[in-house]
Structures are given as structure tokens and as C-alpha cells.
Amino acid sequence: MSNDIAQYIIDKGGSASVMDHNEAEPKDVPKNTECIIVLGGDGTMIRVSTRMESLGIPVIGVNLGNLGYLCELERNTIYPAIDQLFDDDYLLENRMMLKNTGGCDQAVHLALNDIFFTSAGEQKFIHLNVYVNGAKLNTYHADGIIVSTPTGSTGYNLSAGGPIVNPKAELILLTPINDHNLSSRSIALDRDDIVEVELDSRRDERDEKATVSVDGDQVYTMCVGERYQIGRARETVLICRLSRIGFLENLRKKMEQ
């Protein structure tokens, strides 16, 4: 399908390059590229958008999976969509990202969707101390927690009972996963808040571990006492939108599928 799409663009007088989304790097994208078309599901769209954010090139997704909230196009709408792109009939949306810093190497990782902390090993749940702007918010006794962008609100956050948020909003969502405190709820934080997540111990051995997953793609191990710091990233992702249908109407259509 990718070769057919590329040929369609070439036949209309444009230029196109086909790349494997698992291997493509920003340096591989031709300098005259005006839009990146991603074939796959929401996961593929997220990986490519995050990897290519430094280019500042709009990205649009073609959903080849089941239910895709982030991918606007379907198989049967791709060619009319290309016609729209040639006519400059589109909108651009800036989507906020999260910056995650932590671990032994204090490496920085960007997330368009979410960062979630879950139990690793044999323990069924973990204790996570959460701080916001340096002040302790809560200790969650849960399977984990999700720190999500508005774009990621329809992902793991939604499955865990978190709210759906307009993806153009700028805020940070904090959602516990199967919290043993039944009164615990999702919290919407300011876009400039700094969230710190620390793995606490449930027993004297202090040998528990947690898994830290960035956009469900980059996975790390977290030991007791380690902290990860999460805040709004300076970088954003540019999403190309062709439909004039509003967020709520589009959400209703997705839910009816």
C-alpha cells in the first residue's frame, strides 16, 4: 500500500519516499518533505511523531488497525486526503509532549502519549510516592499509575478509568491503575506542574522493582528509592488535520464503531 500511495503522489507532480517506520531516522527524511504520512495504528503514529519531532514536519496517520483515535485517515480515505494536501486544505495542531528524566543515567525521554509505572516481577501491586512541585501528593498502593498528555487520554489512561480530554488542551493527567484505595481518582494537573514518582518499599528487603514505560515503547526498570521526574516538554508534535469535524463529534463516531 505504501508504494501505491507514493506513486499516487508522484503522478500528481509531487515527490515521495517510502521508509520503514522501525528504522527511519530524522536524517533519512528528504529536506523538501512537507508532510509525513504514517501507515499503521496509533502506536506507530506515536513512535514516528516522537522520533521525527525535531524536524517540525506535520504528521498524519492512516489507521490500518482496529480503533485508532490518533490516526485521522482510513484505507478508503487516503487518496482524497492526498488531494486535499495538494490543495493546501488542512489544519495544523500543536500537541504537547512530556519529558521524563530519571533512572541511573538520568536520561531524558519524550512522550506524546503517556508514561506509566507498573509492577515488575512477582509482586501484584506496588507503593508509589507521588510529588507535585516538590510537595507530596499521595502514596498510591496500586498496580501502577499513568502520567498522560491530553493526546494520550484516549490510550491507557482511558482503559484505567481516566477522563477523555480534548487533545488540543494543555494539561497533565495522573491516573492510578487499580488503586487499592477506592476513593482514589484521576487528577488533572497544570501543564507546568512537575510530577515526581518514587518507588517505595512494601517490605524490609526493599527488592521490589517497577517498570517504567514511555509511550509503550521505551521500557526501563525502576528500583526502590529511585525517582523519575515528569514535566511538559519544550518540544511539540505537529499533527496535520484534514477534517473539519470537531473533537466531540469525531469521538462519538469512534465510540460507535
C-alpha atoms as a PDB file:
ATOM      1  CA  MET A   1       0.000   0.000   0.000  1.00  0.00           C
ATOM      2  CA  SER A   2       2.837   2.416   0.812  1.00  0.00           C
ATOM      3  CA  ASN A   3       4.274   2.093  -2.716  1.00  0.00           C
ATOM      4  CA  ASP A   4       0.841   2.742  -4.250  1.00  0.00           C
ATOM      5  CA  ILE A   5       0.471   5.888  -2.157  1.00  0.00           C
ATOM      6  CA  ALA A   6       3.950   7.082  -3.136  1.00  0.00           C
ATOM      7  CA  GLN A   7       3.182   6.506  -6.815  1.00  0.00           C
ATOM      8  CA  TYR A   8      -0.107   8.428  -6.499  1.00  0.00           C
ATOM      9  CA  ILE A   9       1.791  11.404  -5.059  1.00  0.00           C
ATOM     10  CA  ILE A  10       4.404  11.231  -7.826  1.00  0.00           C
ATOM     11  CA  ASP A  11       1.687  11.024 -10.514  1.00  0.00           C
ATOM     12  CA  LYS A  12       0.214  14.256  -9.119  1.00  0.00           C
ATOM     13  CA  GLY A  13       3.534  16.001  -9.544  1.00  0.00           C
ATOM     14  CA  GLY A  14       4.924  15.585  -6.055  1.00  0.00           C
ATOM     15  CA  SER A  15       7.794  13.549  -4.665  1.00  0.00           C
ATOM     16  CA  ALA A  16       7.636  10.739  -2.131  1.00  0.00           C
ATOM     17  CA  SER A  17       9.950   8.387  -0.264  1.00  0.00           C
ATOM     18  CA  VAL A  18       8.906   5.119   1.385  1.00  0.00           C
ATOM     19  CA  MET A  19      10.599   4.309   4.710  1.00  0.00           C
ATOM     20  CA  ASP A  20      10.286   1.576   7.310  1.00  0.00           C
ATOM     21  CA  HIS A  21       8.902   3.215  10.446  1.00  0.00           C
ATOM     22  CA  ASN A  22      11.020   0.917  12.622  1.00  0.00           C
ATOM     23  CA  GLU A  23      14.274   2.071  11.063  1.00  0.00           C
ATOM     24  CA  ALA A  24      13.715   5.598   9.752  1.00  0.00           C
ATOM     25  CA  GLU A  25      15.573   8.433  11.478  1.00  0.00           C
ATOM     26  CA  PRO A  26      15.201  12.207  11.034  1.00  0.00           C
ATOM     27  CA  LYS A  27      18.340  12.299   8.867  1.00  0.00           C
ATOM     28  CA  ASP A  28      16.637   9.935   6.402  1.00  0.00           C
ATOM     29  CA  VAL A  29      13.756  12.312   5.659  1.00  0.00           C
ATOM     30  CA  PRO A  30      14.281  14.373   2.466  1.00  0.00           C
ATOM     31  CA  LYS A  31      14.745  18.095   3.122  1.00  0.00           C
ATOM     32  CA  ASN A  32      11.818  19.139   0.915  1.00  0.00           C
ATOM     33  CA  THR A  33       9.305  16.981   2.846  1.00  0.00           C
ATOM     34  CA  GLU A  34       6.092  18.862   3.683  1.00  0.00           C
ATOM     35  CA  CYS A  35       4.143  16.069   5.404  1.00  0.00           C
ATOM     36  CA  ILE A  36       4.859  12.633   6.847  1.00  0.00           C
ATOM     37  CA  ILE A  37       2.133  10.045   6.213  1.00  0.00           C
ATOM     38  CA  VAL A  38       2.223   7.198   8.730  1.00  0.00           C
ATOM     39  CA  LEU A  39       0.609   3.853   7.911  1.00  0.00           C
ATOM     40  CA  GLY A  40      -0.337   1.734  10.926  1.00  0.00           C
ATOM     41  CA  GLY A  41      -2.172   2.226  14.187  1.00  0.00           C
ATOM     42  CA  ASP A  42      -1.949   4.791  16.965  1.00  0.00           C
ATOM     43  CA  GLY A  43       1.196   3.131  18.332  1.00  0.00           C
ATOM     44  CA  THR A  44       3.023   3.548  15.034  1.00  0.00           C
ATOM     45  CA  MET A  45       1.798   7.132  14.761  1.00  0.00           C
ATOM     46  CA  ILE A  46       3.131   7.919  18.239  1.00  0.00           C
ATOM     47  CA  ARG A  47       6.540   6.354  17.615  1.00  0.00           C
ATOM     48  CA  VAL A  48       7.069   8.152  14.322  1.00  0.00           C
ATOM     49  CA  SER A  49       5.773  11.504  15.609  1.00  0.00           C
ATOM     50  CA  THR A  50       8.048  11.417  18.642  1.00  0.00           C
ATOM     51  CA  ARG A  51      11.089  10.322  16.656  1.00  0.00           C
ATOM     52  CA  MET A  52      10.593  12.998  13.989  1.00  0.00           C
ATOM     53  CA  GLU A  53       9.543  15.902  16.224  1.00  0.00           C
ATOM     54  CA  SER A  54      12.861  17.721  15.747  1.00  0.00           C
ATOM     55  CA  LEU A  55      12.053  18.216  12.041  1.00  0.00           C
ATOM     56  CA  GLY A  56       8.913  20.280  12.674  1.00  0.00           C
ATOM     57  CA  ILE A  57       7.150  18.483   9.806  1.00  0.00           C
ATOM     58  CA  PRO A  58       3.380  17.817  10.120  1.00  0.00           C
ATOM     59  CA  VAL A  59       2.406  14.175  10.595  1.00  0.00           C
ATOM     60  CA  ILE A  60      -0.845  12.465   9.591  1.00  0.00           C
ATOM     61  CA  GLY A  61      -1.825   8.869  10.292  1.00  0.00           C
ATOM     62  CA  VAL A  62      -3.656   6.233   8.260  1.00  0.00           C
ATOM     63  CA  ASN A  63      -5.329   3.722  10.561  1.00  0.00           C
ATOM     64  CA  LEU A  64      -4.661   0.143   9.473  1.00  0.00           C
ATOM     65  CA  GLY A  65      -5.542  -1.321  12.862  1.00  0.00           C
ATOM     66  CA  ASN A  66      -8.784  -1.512  14.795  1.00  0.00           C
ATOM     67  CA  LEU A  67      -9.817   1.574  16.749  1.00  0.00           C
ATOM     68  CA  GLY A  68      -7.468   4.498  16.188  1.00  0.00           C
ATOM     69  CA  TYR A  69      -8.085   7.808  17.956  1.00  0.00           C
ATOM     70  CA  LEU A  70      -4.900   9.484  16.798  1.00  0.00           C
ATOM     71  CA  CYS A  71      -4.921   8.358  13.155  1.00  0.00           C
ATOM     72  CA  GLU A  72      -7.383  10.502  11.246  1.00  0.00           C
ATOM     73  CA  LEU A  73      -7.478   8.614   7.937  1.00  0.00           C
ATOM     74  CA  GLU A  74      -8.710   5.148   6.976  1.00  0.00           C
ATOM     75  CA  ARG A  75      -7.744   2.995   3.994  1.00  0.00           C
ATOM     76  CA  ASN A  76     -10.625   4.292   1.906  1.00  0.00           C
ATOM     77  CA  THR A  77      -9.913   7.982   2.549  1.00  0.00           C
ATOM     78  CA  ILE A  78      -6.180   8.188   1.884  1.00  0.00           C
ATOM     79  CA  TYR A  79      -6.332   9.253  -1.782  1.00  0.00           C
ATOM     80  CA  PRO A  80      -8.905  12.045  -1.328  1.00  0.00           C
ATOM     81  CA  ALA A  81      -6.774  13.145   1.638  1.00  0.00           C
ATOM     82  CA  ILE A  82      -3.698  13.431  -0.561  1.00  0.00           C
ATOM     83  CA  ASP A  83      -5.728  15.582  -2.947  1.00  0.00           C
ATOM     84  CA  GLN A  84      -6.549  17.874  -0.011  1.00  0.00           C
ATOM     85  CA  LEU A  85      -2.900  18.094   0.952  1.00  0.00           C
ATOM     86  CA  PHE A  86      -2.012  19.170  -2.590  1.00  0.00           C
ATOM     87  CA  ASP A  87      -4.734  21.845  -2.367  1.00  0.00           C
ATOM     88  CA  ASP A  88      -3.306  23.082   0.985  1.00  0.00           C
ATOM     89  CA  ASP A  89      -6.691  22.318   2.515  1.00  0.00           C
ATOM     90  CA  TYR A  90      -5.684  21.285   6.031  1.00  0.00           C
ATOM     91  CA  LEU A  91      -5.226  22.450   9.617  1.00  0.00           C
ATOM     92  CA  LEU A  92      -2.225  22.064  11.898  1.00  0.00           C
ATOM     93  CA  GLU A  93      -2.384  21.254  15.611  1.00  0.00           C
ATOM     94  CA  ASN A  94       0.478  21.512  18.083  1.00  0.00           C
ATOM     95  CA  ARG A  95       0.325  18.646  20.600  1.00  0.00           C
ATOM     96  CA  MET A  96       2.160  18.899  23.893  1.00  0.00           C
ATOM     97  CA  MET A  97       4.656  16.247  24.941  1.00  0.00           C
ATOM     98  CA  LEU A  98       6.031  15.091  28.289  1.00  0.00           C
ATOM     99  CA  LYS A  99       9.679  15.000  29.268  1.00  0.00           C
ATOM    100  CA  ASN A 100      10.683  12.103  31.511  1.00  0.00           C
ATOM    101  CA  THR A 101      14.000  12.207  33.391  1.00  0.00           C
ATOM    102  CA  GLY A 102      15.300   9.552  35.756  1.00  0.00           C
ATOM    103  CA  GLY A 103      16.999   6.238  36.236  1.00  0.00           C
ATOM    104  CA  CYS A 104      20.689   5.673  36.853  1.00  0.00           C
ATOM    105  CA  ASP A 105      21.751   7.605  33.746  1.00  0.00           C
ATOM    106  CA  GLN A 106      19.284  10.494  34.213  1.00  0.00           C
ATOM    107  CA  ALA A 107      18.468  10.213  30.519  1.00  0.00           C
ATOM    108  CA  VAL A 108      15.700  12.370  29.045  1.00  0.00           C
ATOM    109  CA  HIS A 109      12.873  10.692  27.103  1.00  0.00           C
ATOM    110  CA  LEU A 110       9.959  12.347  25.297  1.00  0.00           C
ATOM    111  CA  ALA A 111       6.385  11.031  25.312  1.00  0.00           C
ATOM    112  CA  LEU A 112       3.481  12.127  23.132  1.00  0.00           C
ATOM    113  CA  ASN A 113       1.015   9.760  24.797  1.00  0.00           C
ATOM    114  CA  ASP A 114       1.947   8.705  28.313  1.00  0.00           C
ATOM    115  CA  ILE A 115       4.460   7.429  30.829  1.00  0.00           C
ATOM    116  CA  PHE A 116       3.276   4.641  33.078  1.00  0.00           C
ATOM    117  CA  PHE A 117       4.702   2.884  36.077  1.00  0.00           C
ATOM    118  CA  THR A 118       3.630  -0.703  36.745  1.00  0.00           C
ATOM    119  CA  SER A 119       4.725  -3.552  38.982  1.00  0.00           C
ATOM    120  CA  ALA A 120       7.531  -5.803  37.767  1.00  0.00           C
ATOM    121  CA  GLY A 121       8.379  -9.282  38.972  1.00  0.00           C
ATOM    122  CA  GLU A 122       6.125 -11.332  41.216  1.00  0.00           C
ATOM    123  CA  GLN A 123       4.511  -8.581  43.311  1.00  0.00           C
ATOM    124  CA  LYS A 124       0.943  -7.824  42.329  1.00  0.00           C
ATOM    125  CA  PHE A 125       0.999  -4.173  43.324  1.00  0.00           C
ATOM    126  CA  ILE A 126       3.498  -1.511  44.305  1.00  0.00           C
ATOM    127  CA  HIS A 127       3.773   1.554  46.507  1.00  0.00           C
ATOM    128  CA  LEU A 128       4.446   4.757  44.595  1.00  0.00           C
ATOM    129  CA  ASN A 129       5.078   8.102  46.256  1.00  0.00           C
ATOM    130  CA  VAL A 130       3.947  10.943  44.023  1.00  0.00           C
ATOM    131  CA  TYR A 131       5.111  14.535  44.439  1.00  0.00           C
ATOM    132  CA  VAL A 132       3.847  17.598  42.581  1.00  0.00           C
ATOM    133  CA  ASN A 133       6.112  20.633  42.500  1.00  0.00           C
ATOM    134  CA  GLY A 134       8.094  19.194  45.398  1.00  0.00           C
ATOM    135  CA  ALA A 135       5.115  18.599  47.709  1.00  0.00           C
ATOM    136  CA  LYS A 136       3.910  15.072  48.373  1.00  0.00           C
ATOM    137  CA  LEU A 137       0.553  14.376  46.800  1.00  0.00           C
ATOM    138  CA  ASN A 138      -0.113  10.768  47.782  1.00  0.00           C
ATOM    139  CA  THR A 139       1.266   7.265  48.203  1.00  0.00           C
ATOM    140  CA  TYR A 140      -0.534   5.002  45.769  1.00  0.00           C
ATOM    141  CA  HIS A 141      -0.932   1.327  46.682  1.00  0.00           C
ATOM    142  CA  ALA A 142      -1.791   0.170  43.203  1.00  0.00           C
ATOM    143  CA  ASP A 143      -0.833  -1.824  40.135  1.00  0.00           C
ATOM    144  CA  GLY A 144       0.715   1.422  38.933  1.00  0.00           C
ATOM    145  CA  ILE A 145       0.000   4.955  37.764  1.00  0.00           C
ATOM    146  CA  ILE A 146      -0.233   6.693  34.387  1.00  0.00           C
ATOM    147  CA  VAL A 147       1.015  10.204  33.655  1.00  0.00           C
ATOM    148  CA  SER A 148      -0.624  11.236  30.408  1.00  0.00           C
ATOM    149  CA  THR A 149      -0.862  14.087  27.912  1.00  0.00           C
ATOM    150  CA  PRO A 150      -4.258  15.128  26.506  1.00  0.00           C
ATOM    151  CA  THR A 151      -3.359  13.202  23.332  1.00  0.00           C
ATOM    152  CA  GLY A 152      -2.795  10.117  25.481  1.00  0.00           C
ATOM    153  CA  SER A 153      -6.085  10.463  27.344  1.00  0.00           C
ATOM    154  CA  THR A 154      -7.731   8.010  24.896  1.00  0.00           C
ATOM    155  CA  GLY A 155      -4.980   5.428  25.409  1.00  0.00           C
ATOM    156  CA  TYR A 156      -4.020   3.513  28.556  1.00  0.00           C
ATOM    157  CA  ASN A 157      -5.455   6.368  30.629  1.00  0.00           C
ATOM    158  CA  LEU A 158      -8.932   5.682  29.256  1.00  0.00           C
ATOM    159  CA  SER A 159      -8.624   1.924  29.891  1.00  0.00           C
ATOM    160  CA  ALA A 160      -7.709   2.667  33.509  1.00  0.00           C
ATOM    161  CA  GLY A 161     -10.821   4.799  34.023  1.00  0.00           C
ATOM    162  CA  GLY A 162      -9.266   8.195  33.391  1.00  0.00           C
ATOM    163  CA  PRO A 163     -11.070  11.071  31.640  1.00  0.00           C
ATOM    164  CA  ILE A 164     -11.079  11.820  27.911  1.00  0.00           C
ATOM    165  CA  VAL A 165      -9.580  15.231  27.210  1.00  0.00           C
ATOM    166  CA  ASN A 166      -9.544  17.338  24.069  1.00  0.00           C
ATOM    167  CA  PRO A 167      -6.088  16.611  22.573  1.00  0.00           C
ATOM    168  CA  LYS A 168      -5.508  20.322  21.914  1.00  0.00           C
ATOM    169  CA  ALA A 169      -5.699  21.070  25.643  1.00  0.00           C
ATOM    170  CA  GLU A 170      -2.533  21.593  27.664  1.00  0.00           C
ATOM    171  CA  LEU A 171      -2.570  19.750  30.974  1.00  0.00           C
ATOM    172  CA  ILE A 172      -1.145  16.651  32.628  1.00  0.00           C
ATOM    173  CA  LEU A 173      -3.324  13.714  33.725  1.00  0.00           C
ATOM    174  CA  LEU A 174      -2.418  11.478  36.664  1.00  0.00           C
ATOM    175  CA  THR A 175      -4.422   8.231  36.800  1.00  0.00           C
ATOM    176  CA  PRO A 176      -3.907   5.329  39.244  1.00  0.00           C
ATOM    177  CA  ILE A 177      -4.161   1.759  37.939  1.00  0.00           C
ATOM    178  CA  ASN A 178      -6.327  -0.471  40.164  1.00  0.00           C
ATOM    179  CA  ASP A 179      -5.607   1.567  43.275  1.00  0.00           C
ATOM    180  CA  HIS A 180      -6.418  -0.331  46.478  1.00  0.00           C
ATOM    181  CA  ASN A 181      -7.777   2.910  47.921  1.00  0.00           C
ATOM    182  CA  LEU A 182     -11.207   3.008  46.339  1.00  0.00           C
ATOM    183  CA  SER A 183     -11.524   6.764  46.843  1.00  0.00           C
ATOM    184  CA  SER A 184      -8.551   7.461  44.576  1.00  0.00           C
ATOM    185  CA  ARG A 185      -9.370   9.249  41.321  1.00  0.00           C
ATOM    186  CA  SER A 186      -7.651  10.734  38.304  1.00  0.00           C
ATOM    187  CA  ILE A 187      -6.227  14.198  38.782  1.00  0.00           C
ATOM    188  CA  ALA A 188      -5.792  16.890  36.132  1.00  0.00           C
ATOM    189  CA  LEU A 189      -2.697  18.989  36.770  1.00  0.00           C
ATOM    190  CA  ASP A 190      -1.495  22.254  35.294  1.00  0.00           C
ATOM    191  CA  ARG A 191       0.637  21.952  32.182  1.00  0.00           C
ATOM    192  CA  ASP A 192       3.629  23.462  34.006  1.00  0.00           C
ATOM    193  CA  ASP A 193       3.456  21.217  37.077  1.00  0.00           C
ATOM    194  CA  ILE A 194       6.398  18.918  37.775  1.00  0.00           C
ATOM    195  CA  VAL A 195       5.470  15.366  38.783  1.00  0.00           C
ATOM    196  CA  GLU A 196       7.936  13.099  40.588  1.00  0.00           C
ATOM    197  CA  VAL A 197       7.274   9.387  41.020  1.00  0.00           C
ATOM    198  CA  GLU A 198       9.270   7.370  43.556  1.00  0.00           C
ATOM    199  CA  LEU A 199       9.136   3.635  44.116  1.00  0.00           C
ATOM    200  CA  ASP A 200       8.618   2.897  47.823  1.00  0.00           C
ATOM    201  CA  SER A 201       9.111  -0.460  49.532  1.00  0.00           C
ATOM    202  CA  ARG A 202       6.422  -2.814  50.792  1.00  0.00           C
ATOM    203  CA  ARG A 203       8.813  -4.995  52.788  1.00  0.00           C
ATOM    204  CA  ASP A 204      12.154  -4.910  54.608  1.00  0.00           C
ATOM    205  CA  GLU A 205      14.129  -6.500  51.772  1.00  0.00           C
ATOM    206  CA  ARG A 206      13.497  -3.434  49.544  1.00  0.00           C
ATOM    207  CA  ASP A 207      13.928  -5.650  46.496  1.00  0.00           C
ATOM    208  CA  GLU A 208      10.789  -4.639  44.622  1.00  0.00           C
ATOM    209  CA  LYS A 209      11.069  -3.312  41.104  1.00  0.00           C
ATOM    210  CA  ALA A 210       8.791  -1.356  38.814  1.00  0.00           C
ATOM    211  CA  THR A 211       8.615  -1.000  35.046  1.00  0.00           C
ATOM    212  CA  VAL A 212       8.669   2.484  33.525  1.00  0.00           C
ATOM    213  CA  SER A 213       7.203   2.608  30.024  1.00  0.00           C
ATOM    214  CA  VAL A 214       7.445   5.684  27.796  1.00  0.00           C
ATOM    215  CA  ASP A 215       4.718   5.671  25.119  1.00  0.00           C
ATOM    216  CA  GLY A 216       4.560   1.869  25.498  1.00  0.00           C
ATOM    217  CA  ASP A 217       7.781   1.637  23.507  1.00  0.00           C
ATOM    218  CA  GLN A 218      10.788   2.512  25.656  1.00  0.00           C
ATOM    219  CA  VAL A 219      10.820   0.379  28.810  1.00  0.00           C
ATOM    220  CA  TYR A 220      13.052   0.748  31.864  1.00  0.00           C
ATOM    221  CA  THR A 221      13.433  -0.872  35.279  1.00  0.00           C
ATOM    222  CA  MET A 222      12.971   1.191  38.446  1.00  0.00           C
ATOM    223  CA  CYS A 223      14.367   0.153  41.844  1.00  0.00           C
ATOM    224  CA  VAL A 224      13.221   1.125  45.334  1.00  0.00           C
ATOM    225  CA  GLY A 225      14.212   4.694  46.154  1.00  0.00           C
ATOM    226  CA  GLU A 226      14.580   5.795  42.546  1.00  0.00           C
ATOM    227  CA  ARG A 227      12.630   8.803  41.295  1.00  0.00           C
ATOM    228  CA  TYR A 228      11.505   9.841  37.854  1.00  0.00           C
ATOM    229  CA  GLN A 229      10.648  13.466  37.114  1.00  0.00           C
ATOM    230  CA  ILE A 230       7.992  14.282  34.528  1.00  0.00           C
ATOM    231  CA  GLY A 231       7.052  17.676  33.135  1.00  0.00           C
ATOM    232  CA  ARG A 232       5.903  19.389  29.972  1.00  0.00           C
ATOM    233  CA  ALA A 233       8.493  19.184  27.226  1.00  0.00           C
ATOM    234  CA  ARG A 234       9.638  22.198  25.261  1.00  0.00           C
ATOM    235  CA  GLU A 235       9.188  20.144  22.099  1.00  0.00           C
ATOM    236  CA  THR A 236       5.783  19.628  20.488  1.00  0.00           C
ATOM    237  CA  VAL A 237       4.422  17.399  17.729  1.00  0.00           C
ATOM    238  CA  LEU A 238       2.730  18.956  14.711  1.00  0.00           C
ATOM    239  CA  ILE A 239      -0.367  16.982  13.690  1.00  0.00           C
ATOM    240  CA  CYS A 240      -1.964  17.547  10.284  1.00  0.00           C
ATOM    241  CA  ARG A 241      -5.767  17.551  10.324  1.00  0.00           C
ATOM    242  CA  LEU A 242      -7.917  17.386   7.185  1.00  0.00           C
ATOM    243  CA  SER A 243     -11.360  17.001   8.667  1.00  0.00           C
ATOM    244  CA  ARG A 244     -13.324  19.983   9.939  1.00  0.00           C
ATOM    245  CA  ILE A 245     -15.252  17.641  12.242  1.00  0.00           C
ATOM    246  CA  GLY A 246     -14.848  18.715  15.867  1.00  0.00           C
ATOM    247  CA  PHE A 247     -13.249  16.599  18.574  1.00  0.00           C
ATOM    248  CA  LEU A 248     -16.505  15.579  20.248  1.00  0.00           C
ATOM    249  CA  GLU A 249     -18.205  14.550  17.001  1.00  0.00           C
ATOM    250  CA  ASN A 250     -15.180  12.522  15.986  1.00  0.00           C
ATOM    251  CA  LEU A 251     -15.097  10.907  19.427  1.00  0.00           C
ATOM    252  CA  ARG A 252     -18.754   9.927  19.114  1.00  0.00           C
ATOM    253  CA  LYS A 253     -18.092   8.256  15.750  1.00  0.00           C
ATOM    254  CA  LYS A 254     -15.134   6.322  17.169  1.00  0.00           C
ATOM    255  CA  MET A 255     -17.209   5.110  20.113  1.00  0.00           C
ATOM    256  CA  GLU A 256     -19.951   3.886  17.786  1.00  0.00           C
ATOM    257  CA  GLN A 257     -17.542   1.591  15.907  1.00  0.00           C
END
